[in-house]
Amino acid sequence: MELLTQFADLIKFLIDFILHIDVHLAELVAQYGTWVYAILFLIIFL
């Protein structure tokens, strides 16, 4: 039962992340600064 709860939480997080990507990207930039460019490069090109 705990596995289902964790899976549901993961799905909720992913949906929230996708729907509010602008907010989450702003948080990432505020927290990591220029490292965000490297992270986005890796996501896009790898």
N, C-alpha and C. Protein backbone atom coordinates (compact mmCIF):
# COMPACT_ATOMS: atom_id res chain seq x y z
N MET A 1 0.82 -1.20 0.00
CA MET A 1 0.00 0.00 0.00
C MET A 1 0.87 1.26 0.00
N GLU A 2 1.99 1.20 0.70
CA GLU A 2 2.89 2.35 0.76
C GLU A 2 3.47 2.65 -0.62
N LEU A 3 3.69 1.60 -1.41
CA LEU A 3 4.22 1.78 -2.76
C LEU A 3 3.24 2.56 -3.62
N LEU A 4 1.96 2.27 -3.48
CA LEU A 4 0.94 3.01 -4.24
C LEU A 4 0.90 4.48 -3.83
N THR A 5 1.06 4.74 -2.55
CA THR A 5 1.07 6.11 -2.06
C THR A 5 2.27 6.87 -2.63
N GLN A 6 3.43 6.23 -2.64
CA GLN A 6 4.62 6.87 -3.19
C GLN A 6 4.45 7.12 -4.69
N PHE A 7 3.88 6.16 -5.40
CA PHE A 7 3.64 6.32 -6.83
C PHE A 7 2.66 7.46 -7.09
N ALA A 8 1.61 7.55 -6.30
CA ALA A 8 0.63 8.62 -6.46
C ALA A 8 1.27 9.98 -6.18
N ASP A 9 2.13 10.05 -5.18
CA ASP A 9 2.84 11.29 -4.88
C ASP A 9 3.76 11.70 -6.03
N LEU A 10 4.42 10.72 -6.63
CA LEU A 10 5.29 10.99 -7.77
C LEU A 10 4.49 11.53 -8.94
N ILE A 11 3.36 10.92 -9.22
CA ILE A 11 2.50 11.38 -10.32
C ILE A 11 1.99 12.80 -10.05
N LYS A 12 1.58 13.08 -8.81
CA LYS A 12 1.13 14.42 -8.46
C LYS A 12 2.24 15.44 -8.65
N PHE A 13 3.46 15.08 -8.24
CA PHE A 13 4.60 15.98 -8.40
C PHE A 13 4.87 16.26 -9.88
N LEU A 14 4.86 15.22 -10.71
CA LEU A 14 5.13 15.39 -12.14
C LEU A 14 4.06 16.26 -12.82
N ILE A 15 2.81 16.03 -12.47
CA ILE A 15 1.73 16.84 -13.05
C ILE A 15 1.87 18.29 -12.62
N ASP A 16 2.15 18.51 -11.33
CA ASP A 16 2.34 19.87 -10.83
C ASP A 16 3.53 20.54 -11.51
N PHE A 17 4.61 19.79 -11.68
CA PHE A 17 5.81 20.34 -12.32
C PHE A 17 5.52 20.75 -13.75
N ILE A 18 4.81 19.91 -14.49
CA ILE A 18 4.50 20.21 -15.89
C ILE A 18 3.54 21.39 -16.01
N LEU A 19 2.53 21.43 -15.16
CA LEU A 19 1.54 22.50 -15.24
C LEU A 19 2.09 23.86 -14.79
N HIS A 20 3.08 23.84 -13.90
CA HIS A 20 3.64 25.09 -13.37
C HIS A 20 5.13 25.18 -13.65
N ILE A 21 5.51 24.83 -14.88
CA ILE A 21 6.93 24.80 -15.24
C ILE A 21 7.58 26.17 -15.10
N ASP A 22 6.83 27.25 -15.37
CA ASP A 22 7.41 28.59 -15.26
C ASP A 22 7.81 28.91 -13.83
N VAL A 23 7.00 28.51 -12.87
CA VAL A 23 7.32 28.75 -11.46
C VAL A 23 8.52 27.92 -11.05
N HIS A 24 8.54 26.68 -11.46
CA HIS A 24 9.64 25.79 -11.06
C HIS A 24 10.96 26.20 -11.71
N LEU A 25 10.91 26.67 -12.96
CA LEU A 25 12.13 27.15 -13.60
C LEU A 25 12.66 28.40 -12.90
N ALA A 26 11.77 29.28 -12.47
CA ALA A 26 12.20 30.47 -11.73
C ALA A 26 12.87 30.06 -10.42
N GLU A 27 12.33 29.06 -9.74
CA GLU A 27 12.94 28.56 -8.51
C GLU A 27 14.31 27.96 -8.78
N LEU A 28 14.42 27.19 -9.87
CA LEU A 28 15.71 26.59 -10.23
C LEU A 28 16.76 27.65 -10.53
N VAL A 29 16.37 28.68 -11.28
CA VAL A 29 17.31 29.75 -11.61
C VAL A 29 17.73 30.49 -10.35
N ALA A 30 16.78 30.75 -9.46
CA ALA A 30 17.12 31.44 -8.21
C ALA A 30 18.05 30.61 -7.35
N GLN A 31 17.89 29.31 -7.37
CA GLN A 31 18.69 28.44 -6.51
C GLN A 31 20.04 28.10 -7.12
N TYR A 32 20.08 27.81 -8.43
CA TYR A 32 21.31 27.31 -9.04
C TYR A 32 21.99 28.30 -9.98
N GLY A 33 21.35 29.39 -10.30
CA GLY A 33 21.98 30.41 -11.14
C GLY A 33 22.36 29.89 -12.52
N THR A 34 23.63 30.07 -12.87
CA THR A 34 24.07 29.71 -14.22
C THR A 34 24.15 28.21 -14.45
N TRP A 35 24.12 27.42 -13.39
CA TRP A 35 24.13 25.96 -13.57
C TRP A 35 22.88 25.47 -14.30
N VAL A 36 21.83 26.27 -14.29
CA VAL A 36 20.59 25.89 -14.98
C VAL A 36 20.85 25.72 -16.47
N TYR A 37 21.72 26.55 -17.04
CA TYR A 37 22.04 26.41 -18.46
C TYR A 37 22.67 25.05 -18.74
N ALA A 38 23.56 24.61 -17.88
CA ALA A 38 24.19 23.30 -18.05
C ALA A 38 23.17 22.18 -17.90
N ILE A 39 22.28 22.32 -16.94
CA ILE A 39 21.25 21.30 -16.72
C ILE A 39 20.33 21.21 -17.94
N LEU A 40 19.88 22.36 -18.45
CA LEU A 40 19.01 22.37 -19.63
C LEU A 40 19.74 21.83 -20.86
N PHE A 41 21.01 22.15 -21.01
CA PHE A 41 21.80 21.61 -22.12
C PHE A 41 21.83 20.09 -22.05
N LEU A 42 22.07 19.54 -20.87
CA LEU A 42 22.13 18.09 -20.71
C LEU A 42 20.78 17.44 -21.01
N ILE A 43 19.71 18.08 -20.57
CA ILE A 43 18.38 17.53 -20.81
C ILE A 43 18.07 17.52 -22.31
N ILE A 44 18.41 18.59 -22.99
CA ILE A 44 18.07 18.71 -24.41
C ILE A 44 18.94 17.83 -25.29
N PHE A 45 20.24 17.81 -25.05
CA PHE A 45 21.16 17.16 -25.98
C PHE A 45 21.62 15.77 -25.58
N LEU A 46 21.22 15.28 -24.44
CA LEU A 46 21.60 13.91 -24.07
C LEU A 46 20.44 12.98 -24.02
